[in-house]
Amino acid sequence: MAQATQEFGDWPLKRLMTEVCGSGHKSADDLTRAQATEAFERVLADEPDPTTLGAFWLANRWKRNTPEELGAYVDVMCDRVEYAEPDADPVDCGANYDGKGRTAILGVAAGVVAAAAGTPVVVHSGDRVPTQKQDAYKHVLDELGVHTELTPSDSADMVDETGFGFYYQPAFNPAIDDLFDRRDMMGVRTFVNTIETLANPAGASVHLGSFYHLAFAKKVVDTFVESEFHDLDRVLMFQGMEGYDDVRPGYTTVAEWDAAGGEEGGDAGSEGASFDDFEIETAEYGMDLEEADLAVDDVAAESAEITEDVLTGERNGPFADAVAVNAALRIYAREDADSIEEGLDAAREVIDDGSAHEVLEALREF
């Protein structure tokens, strides 16, 4: 039901559609920060008619959102997020919440390995989020016997006790979770699919995410810059399998933003920051793997099995290599290693000496 007691400004979604963003992808205007803020406040208050809401979301998709709009949407969302910051400062992994359907989810194993190497990691997801409603972090952790339906405070404690933490969207971001039915009826992704990955429930200073095209990585960085809520030090993004935060085998483009990057580097939207991109090739690390080598039939169950086998040292080959390189990127993102090669050495060491599996056992006991 609409919250009739809440007061808004002069821009109901229908007026925004008529006068600003609803005239098609070529002629539509962008929303100002004030308009975008009011629009999403109305959405989260369940004020718009469902037809108008769907049209507004679709208009945003057609015209493509600007970082200023996304920054406003992020800030409205973050104002409603229940934050719980651990004492550790982890890497925030913002994988797509609607999950994967063809390849293994490697982020649990990679995060556990990074944690064992001294890089705390936070992951977050919902449960069968539209539009794909496929397997995500929660489902792999459930298969591994790790508690996932935690309060944000418990999630923060998990980080400090084990080095790895899971935050559950319905618990820390209920306003977005309440949009499930409306999003499900849309049938296509909306800007909510982007901003929910940027919630950063642990208040981390480093964000790791993924993109299909490099221009989107730049847009995410500029969104963080436009956000008045977030104050990140670093963002690392790469081309992920199925849009997830699992690095693709072969050639992969990596985008790196540093808030204090010095005078060199590209424009990242804030003075003194740097935005650069570079390529990595898994073959250069002695890895002979292709994306087809990482395919599975049952994503959650097989990802959990792979995680267990890699962490116990019982599985070598493509999956072990993929876990190691993904762990290395997390270690490098937090600058706990000066290079990805150095991160790989740290990742392999904690797998070989059993430290990584000890973190998994600590998670099960939490």
Protein backbone atom coordinates (compact mmCIF):
# COMPACT_ATOMS: atom_id res chain seq x y z
CA MET A 1 0.00 0.00 0.00
CA ALA A 2 1.16 3.54 -0.72
CA GLN A 3 2.39 5.50 2.26
CA ALA A 4 -0.09 8.36 1.97
CA THR A 5 1.44 10.31 4.86
CA GLN A 6 4.81 10.72 3.13
CA GLU A 7 5.34 14.04 1.38
CA PHE A 8 7.10 14.34 -1.96
CA GLY A 9 8.06 17.14 -4.31
CA ASP A 10 6.70 18.16 -7.69
CA TRP A 11 7.80 15.18 -9.75
CA PRO A 12 5.50 12.14 -9.67
CA LEU A 13 6.70 9.43 -12.04
CA LYS A 14 3.96 10.12 -14.56
CA ARG A 15 5.09 13.73 -14.91
CA LEU A 16 8.72 12.59 -15.27
CA MET A 17 7.61 10.26 -18.04
CA THR A 18 5.69 12.98 -19.84
CA GLU A 19 8.18 15.84 -19.49
CA VAL A 20 11.61 14.28 -19.02
CA CYS A 21 12.52 10.65 -19.65
CA GLY A 22 9.60 8.98 -21.41
CA SER A 23 9.97 10.08 -25.02
CA GLY A 24 12.24 7.28 -26.20
CA HIS A 25 15.95 6.49 -26.07
CA LYS A 26 16.96 9.15 -28.62
CA SER A 27 14.98 12.16 -27.45
CA ALA A 28 14.52 11.57 -23.72
CA ASP A 29 16.20 13.90 -21.25
CA ASP A 30 18.15 12.79 -18.21
CA LEU A 31 16.84 13.35 -14.71
CA THR A 32 18.50 15.82 -12.41
CA ARG A 33 19.79 14.52 -9.09
CA ALA A 34 16.78 16.04 -7.34
CA GLN A 35 14.34 14.44 -9.78
CA ALA A 36 16.03 11.03 -9.54
CA THR A 37 16.08 11.23 -5.75
CA GLU A 38 12.38 12.04 -5.54
CA ALA A 39 11.50 9.39 -8.12
CA PHE A 40 13.17 6.57 -6.22
CA GLU A 41 11.83 7.77 -2.90
CA ARG A 42 8.36 7.45 -4.42
CA VAL A 43 9.17 3.98 -5.74
CA LEU A 44 10.38 2.73 -2.37
CA ALA A 45 7.28 4.19 -0.71
CA ASP A 46 5.10 2.16 -3.14
CA GLU A 47 3.49 5.40 -4.30
CA PRO A 48 3.40 4.98 -8.13
CA ASP A 49 0.71 3.07 -9.95
CA PRO A 50 2.20 -0.28 -11.06
CA THR A 51 1.77 0.59 -14.75
CA THR A 52 3.52 3.93 -14.30
CA LEU A 53 6.32 2.29 -12.34
CA GLY A 54 6.91 -0.28 -15.06
CA ALA A 55 6.94 2.43 -17.73
CA PHE A 56 9.41 4.49 -15.69
CA TRP A 57 11.76 1.57 -15.24
CA LEU A 58 11.57 0.75 -18.93
CA ALA A 59 12.18 4.37 -19.91
CA ASN A 60 15.30 4.38 -17.75
CA ARG A 61 16.45 1.21 -19.48
CA TRP A 62 15.85 2.65 -22.95
CA LYS A 63 17.60 5.93 -22.43
CA ARG A 64 20.39 4.47 -20.25
CA ASN A 65 21.04 5.96 -16.84
CA THR A 66 23.70 8.54 -16.18
CA PRO A 67 26.09 8.25 -13.23
CA GLU A 68 24.31 11.24 -11.65
CA GLU A 69 20.97 9.41 -11.78
CA LEU A 70 22.48 6.17 -10.54
CA GLY A 71 24.31 7.99 -7.77
CA ALA A 72 21.01 9.48 -6.61
CA TYR A 73 19.28 6.09 -6.74
CA VAL A 74 22.17 4.54 -4.78
CA ASP A 75 21.96 7.23 -2.10
CA VAL A 76 18.21 6.80 -1.64
CA MET A 77 18.76 3.05 -1.28
CA CYS A 78 21.72 3.41 1.08
CA ASP A 79 19.70 5.70 3.33
CA ARG A 80 17.53 2.64 4.03
CA VAL A 81 20.27 0.00 4.28
CA GLU A 82 21.11 -1.39 7.72
CA TYR A 83 24.88 -1.12 7.81
CA ALA A 84 27.04 -3.24 10.08
CA GLU A 85 30.75 -2.56 9.72
CA PRO A 86 33.20 -5.19 10.96
CA ASP A 87 36.43 -4.15 12.63
CA ALA A 88 38.22 -5.46 9.56
CA ASP A 89 38.04 -3.47 6.33
CA PRO A 90 37.06 -6.12 3.76
CA VAL A 91 36.85 -6.20 0.00
CA ASP A 92 33.18 -5.72 -0.95
CA CYS A 93 32.28 -8.19 -3.72
CA GLY A 94 29.26 -6.94 -5.65
CA ALA A 95 28.21 -9.85 -7.83
CA ASN A 96 24.99 -9.73 -9.85
CA TYR A 97 22.19 -10.73 -7.50
CA ASP A 98 20.19 -12.59 -10.15
CA GLY A 99 22.86 -15.22 -10.30
CA LYS A 100 24.46 -17.65 -12.72
CA GLY A 101 23.04 -20.57 -14.65
CA ARG A 102 25.82 -22.21 -16.68
CA THR A 103 29.17 -21.96 -14.89
CA ALA A 104 30.36 -22.58 -11.36
CA ILE A 105 30.23 -19.79 -8.78
CA LEU A 106 33.85 -19.44 -7.72
CA GLY A 107 33.56 -16.40 -5.46
CA VAL A 108 32.94 -18.37 -2.27
CA ALA A 109 36.09 -20.42 -2.73
CA ALA A 110 38.07 -17.41 -3.91
CA GLY A 111 36.87 -15.30 -0.98
CA VAL A 112 37.73 -18.01 1.53
CA VAL A 113 41.21 -18.39 0.02
CA ALA A 114 41.76 -14.62 0.11
CA ALA A 115 40.58 -14.52 3.73
CA ALA A 116 43.05 -17.26 4.64
CA ALA A 117 45.78 -15.19 3.00
CA GLY A 118 44.90 -12.17 5.14
CA THR A 119 42.47 -10.30 2.88
CA PRO A 120 39.01 -10.11 4.50
CA VAL A 121 36.18 -10.47 1.99
CA VAL A 122 32.45 -9.71 2.10
CA VAL A 123 29.89 -11.09 -0.34
CA HIS A 124 26.17 -10.35 -0.46
CA SER A 125 23.14 -11.59 -2.33
CA GLY A 126 19.43 -12.18 -2.11
CA ASP A 127 17.48 -15.33 -2.82
CA ARG A 128 16.33 -15.92 -6.45
CA VAL A 129 16.36 -12.25 -7.39
CA PRO A 130 14.65 -11.16 -10.65
CA THR A 131 15.14 -11.29 -13.50
CA GLN A 132 17.08 -14.53 -13.93
CA LYS A 133 16.42 -15.85 -10.41
CA GLN A 134 19.40 -18.19 -10.72
CA ASP A 135 21.96 -19.39 -8.19
CA ALA A 136 23.94 -16.81 -6.24
CA TYR A 137 26.30 -16.67 -3.27
CA LYS A 138 23.58 -17.64 -0.80
CA HIS A 139 22.82 -20.93 -2.50
CA VAL A 140 26.44 -22.10 -2.64
CA LEU A 141 26.94 -21.24 1.03
CA ASP A 142 23.71 -23.05 1.92
CA GLU A 143 24.98 -26.17 0.14
CA LEU A 144 28.22 -25.91 2.12
CA GLY A 145 26.36 -25.81 5.42
CA VAL A 146 27.12 -22.17 6.20
CA HIS A 147 24.40 -20.08 7.85
CA THR A 148 23.23 -17.35 5.49
CA GLU A 149 20.03 -15.83 6.89
CA LEU A 150 21.93 -13.63 9.32
CA THR A 151 21.32 -10.22 10.80
CA PRO A 152 23.76 -7.56 9.56
CA SER A 153 25.39 -7.52 12.98
CA ASP A 154 25.96 -11.27 12.80
CA SER A 155 27.39 -10.87 9.30
CA ALA A 156 29.90 -8.32 10.60
CA ASP A 157 30.88 -10.71 13.38
CA MET A 158 31.34 -13.46 10.78
CA VAL A 159 33.88 -11.27 8.97
CA ASP A 160 35.86 -10.56 12.13
CA GLU A 161 35.82 -14.17 13.31
CA THR A 162 36.60 -15.91 10.01
CA GLY A 163 37.83 -13.29 7.52
CA PHE A 164 34.87 -13.99 5.22
CA GLY A 165 31.36 -12.63 5.61
CA PHE A 166 27.99 -13.05 3.93
CA TYR A 167 25.30 -10.34 4.11
CA TYR A 168 21.73 -11.36 3.21
CA GLN A 169 19.78 -8.78 1.21
CA PRO A 170 16.37 -9.18 2.92
CA ALA A 171 18.10 -8.48 6.25
CA PHE A 172 20.30 -5.49 5.35
CA ASN A 173 18.36 -4.02 2.40
CA PRO A 174 14.66 -4.71 3.03
CA ALA A 175 13.50 -1.74 0.94
CA ILE A 176 14.94 -3.32 -2.19
CA ASP A 177 13.78 -6.78 -1.17
CA ASP A 178 10.23 -5.39 -0.96
CA LEU A 179 10.40 -4.58 -4.70
CA PHE A 180 10.65 -8.27 -5.61
CA ASP A 181 7.13 -8.69 -7.00
CA ARG A 182 7.24 -5.48 -9.07
CA ARG A 183 10.65 -6.39 -10.50
CA ASP A 184 9.49 -9.91 -11.24
CA MET A 185 6.53 -8.60 -13.23
CA MET A 186 8.85 -6.45 -15.38
CA GLY A 187 10.53 -9.43 -16.99
CA VAL A 188 13.70 -7.41 -17.79
CA ARG A 189 16.50 -5.96 -15.71
CA THR A 190 16.09 -2.46 -14.31
CA PHE A 191 18.51 -0.03 -12.71
CA VAL A 192 17.73 -1.76 -9.41
CA ASN A 193 19.80 -4.74 -10.62
CA THR A 194 22.77 -2.39 -10.86
CA ILE A 195 22.42 -0.39 -7.67
CA GLU A 196 21.72 -3.33 -5.35
CA THR A 197 25.22 -4.63 -6.07
CA LEU A 198 26.60 -1.27 -4.85
CA ALA A 199 24.97 -1.32 -1.41
CA ASN A 200 28.28 -2.19 0.31
CA PRO A 201 26.62 -3.36 3.56
CA ALA A 202 29.93 -3.72 5.43
CA GLY A 203 31.05 -0.16 4.66
CA ALA A 204 34.17 -1.45 2.90
CA SER A 205 36.65 0.95 1.33
CA VAL A 206 37.35 -1.38 -1.63
CA HIS A 207 34.76 -2.61 -4.13
CA LEU A 208 35.24 -5.50 -6.54
CA GLY A 209 32.68 -6.03 -9.29
CA SER A 210 32.22 -7.14 -12.87
CA PHE A 211 31.12 -5.79 -16.22
CA TYR A 212 30.25 -6.86 -19.74
CA HIS A 213 31.84 -3.81 -21.38
CA LEU A 214 34.57 -1.47 -20.14
CA ALA A 215 32.28 1.54 -20.48
CA PHE A 216 30.04 0.06 -17.78
CA ALA A 217 33.00 -0.20 -15.39
CA LYS A 218 33.63 3.51 -15.93
CA LYS A 219 29.95 4.21 -15.28
CA VAL A 220 30.05 2.29 -12.00
CA VAL A 221 33.14 4.19 -10.88
CA ASP A 222 31.49 7.50 -11.78
CA THR A 223 28.36 6.37 -9.91
CA PHE A 224 30.43 5.86 -6.77
CA VAL A 225 31.96 9.30 -7.30
CA GLU A 226 28.51 10.86 -7.74
CA SER A 227 27.19 9.09 -4.66
CA GLU A 228 27.15 11.33 -1.61
CA PHE A 229 26.99 8.27 0.64
CA HIS A 230 29.94 6.19 -0.53
CA ASP A 231 33.56 7.20 0.03
CA LEU A 232 35.64 4.42 -1.52
CA ASP A 233 39.41 4.23 -1.83
CA ARG A 234 39.57 1.68 -4.65
CA VAL A 235 37.38 -0.05 -7.22
CA LEU A 236 38.49 -3.07 -9.22
CA MET A 237 36.23 -4.46 -11.93
CA PHE A 238 36.72 -7.10 -14.60
CA GLN A 239 34.87 -8.96 -17.33
CA GLY A 240 33.12 -11.69 -15.41
CA MET A 241 31.59 -14.96 -16.55
CA GLU A 242 27.84 -14.47 -16.96
CA GLY A 243 28.32 -10.94 -15.60
CA TYR A 244 29.32 -12.39 -12.23
CA ASP A 245 32.46 -11.61 -10.22
CA ASP A 246 34.29 -14.68 -11.55
CA VAL A 247 37.03 -13.72 -13.97
CA ARG A 248 36.82 -15.12 -17.49
CA PRO A 249 39.54 -17.54 -18.61
CA GLY A 250 41.80 -16.34 -21.40
CA TYR A 251 42.06 -12.61 -22.00
CA THR A 252 40.25 -10.45 -19.45
CA THR A 253 40.09 -6.68 -19.20
CA VAL A 254 40.50 -5.29 -15.70
CA ALA A 255 39.50 -1.74 -14.74
CA GLU A 256 41.18 -0.16 -11.73
CA TRP A 257 40.21 3.08 -10.00
CA ASP A 258 42.19 4.59 -7.18
CA ALA A 259 40.86 7.60 -5.29
CA ALA A 260 44.41 8.72 -4.56
CA GLY A 261 45.94 7.64 -7.82
CA GLY A 262 48.05 10.70 -8.36
CA GLU A 263 48.24 12.92 -11.40
CA GLU A 264 48.70 10.14 -13.96
CA GLY A 265 45.84 8.05 -15.28
CA GLY A 266 42.52 8.83 -16.85
CA ASP A 267 39.75 11.04 -15.56
CA ALA A 268 37.82 9.20 -12.86
CA GLY A 269 35.50 11.98 -11.84
CA SER A 270 37.37 13.28 -8.83
CA GLU A 271 40.51 15.34 -8.47
CA GLY A 272 43.66 13.28 -7.98
CA ALA A 273 41.99 9.97 -8.81
CA SER A 274 43.13 7.56 -11.51
CA PHE A 275 41.20 5.22 -13.78
CA ASP A 276 43.17 2.70 -15.79
CA ASP A 277 42.52 -0.58 -17.52
CA PHE A 278 44.81 -3.47 -18.35
CA GLU A 279 44.56 -7.00 -19.66
CA ILE A 280 45.45 -10.24 -17.97
CA GLU A 281 45.79 -13.59 -19.71
CA THR A 282 45.36 -16.70 -17.61
CA ALA A 283 47.76 -18.62 -19.89
CA GLU A 284 50.55 -16.32 -18.72
CA TYR A 285 50.08 -17.78 -15.24
CA GLY A 286 50.49 -21.31 -16.58
CA MET A 287 46.74 -21.93 -16.67
CA ASP A 288 45.30 -23.93 -19.53
CA LEU A 289 41.58 -23.31 -19.15
CA GLU A 290 38.59 -22.09 -21.12
CA GLU A 291 35.15 -21.00 -20.01
CA ALA A 292 33.72 -24.36 -21.12
CA ASP A 293 36.00 -26.04 -18.55
CA LEU A 294 34.10 -24.24 -15.78
CA ALA A 295 30.60 -25.26 -16.88
CA VAL A 296 28.35 -27.17 -14.49
CA ASP A 297 24.82 -28.59 -14.61
CA ASP A 298 23.70 -27.89 -11.04
CA VAL A 299 25.28 -24.53 -10.22
CA ALA A 300 24.74 -24.42 -6.45
CA ALA A 301 25.46 -28.06 -5.62
CA GLU A 302 28.41 -28.47 -7.96
CA SER A 303 29.91 -25.10 -6.98
CA ALA A 304 29.81 -26.20 -3.35
CA GLU A 305 31.43 -29.53 -4.22
CA ILE A 306 34.13 -27.78 -6.24
CA THR A 307 34.74 -25.34 -3.39
CA GLU A 308 35.22 -28.16 -0.90
CA ASP A 309 37.49 -30.14 -3.22
CA VAL A 310 39.70 -27.19 -4.13
CA LEU A 311 40.08 -26.04 -0.52
CA THR A 312 41.02 -29.55 0.66
CA GLY A 313 43.53 -29.94 -2.17
CA GLU A 314 41.62 -32.83 -3.68
CA ARG A 315 40.93 -31.06 -6.98
CA ASN A 316 43.54 -29.63 -9.31
CA GLY A 317 43.19 -28.43 -12.89
CA PRO A 318 40.91 -25.73 -14.29
CA PHE A 319 38.69 -25.16 -11.24
CA ALA A 320 41.65 -24.92 -8.85
CA ASP A 321 43.40 -22.50 -11.21
CA ALA A 322 40.26 -20.39 -11.58
CA VAL A 323 39.79 -20.18 -7.81
CA ALA A 324 43.42 -19.15 -7.35
CA VAL A 325 43.31 -16.34 -9.92
CA ASN A 326 40.04 -15.02 -8.52
CA ALA A 327 41.47 -15.06 -5.01
CA ALA A 328 44.54 -13.24 -6.32
CA LEU A 329 42.37 -10.46 -7.75
CA ARG A 330 40.71 -9.99 -4.35
CA ILE A 331 44.07 -9.86 -2.62
CA TYR A 332 45.38 -7.39 -5.21
CA ALA A 333 42.22 -5.26 -5.01
CA ARG A 334 42.89 -4.53 -1.33
CA GLU A 335 46.59 -3.95 -2.11
CA ASP A 336 47.62 -6.84 0.10
CA ALA A 337 49.76 -7.88 -2.87
CA ASP A 338 51.62 -5.61 -5.28
CA SER A 339 50.70 -7.72 -8.29
CA ILE A 340 48.32 -10.45 -9.34
CA GLU A 341 51.29 -12.82 -9.57
CA GLU A 342 52.11 -12.14 -5.92
CA GLY A 343 48.45 -12.67 -5.03
CA LEU A 344 48.53 -16.02 -6.84
CA ASP A 345 51.51 -17.15 -4.78
CA ALA A 346 49.68 -16.21 -1.56
CA ALA A 347 46.49 -17.97 -2.71
CA ARG A 348 48.26 -21.20 -3.61
CA GLU A 349 50.20 -21.21 -0.35
CA VAL A 350 47.09 -21.13 1.85
CA ILE A 351 45.41 -23.82 -0.23
CA ASP A 352 48.47 -26.05 0.02
CA ASP A 353 48.98 -25.61 3.77
CA GLY A 354 45.28 -26.17 4.64
CA SER A 355 44.63 -22.64 5.93
CA ALA A 356 41.88 -22.02 3.37
CA HIS A 357 39.95 -25.11 4.38
CA GLU A 358 40.25 -24.06 8.03
CA VAL A 359 38.41 -20.82 7.14
CA LEU A 360 35.61 -22.86 5.55
CA GLU A 361 35.32 -24.97 8.68
CA ALA A 362 35.20 -21.81 10.81
CA LEU A 363 32.35 -20.53 8.63
CA ARG A 364 30.42 -23.75 9.17
CA GLU A 365 30.89 -23.45 12.91
CA PHE A 366 29.82 -19.80 13.04
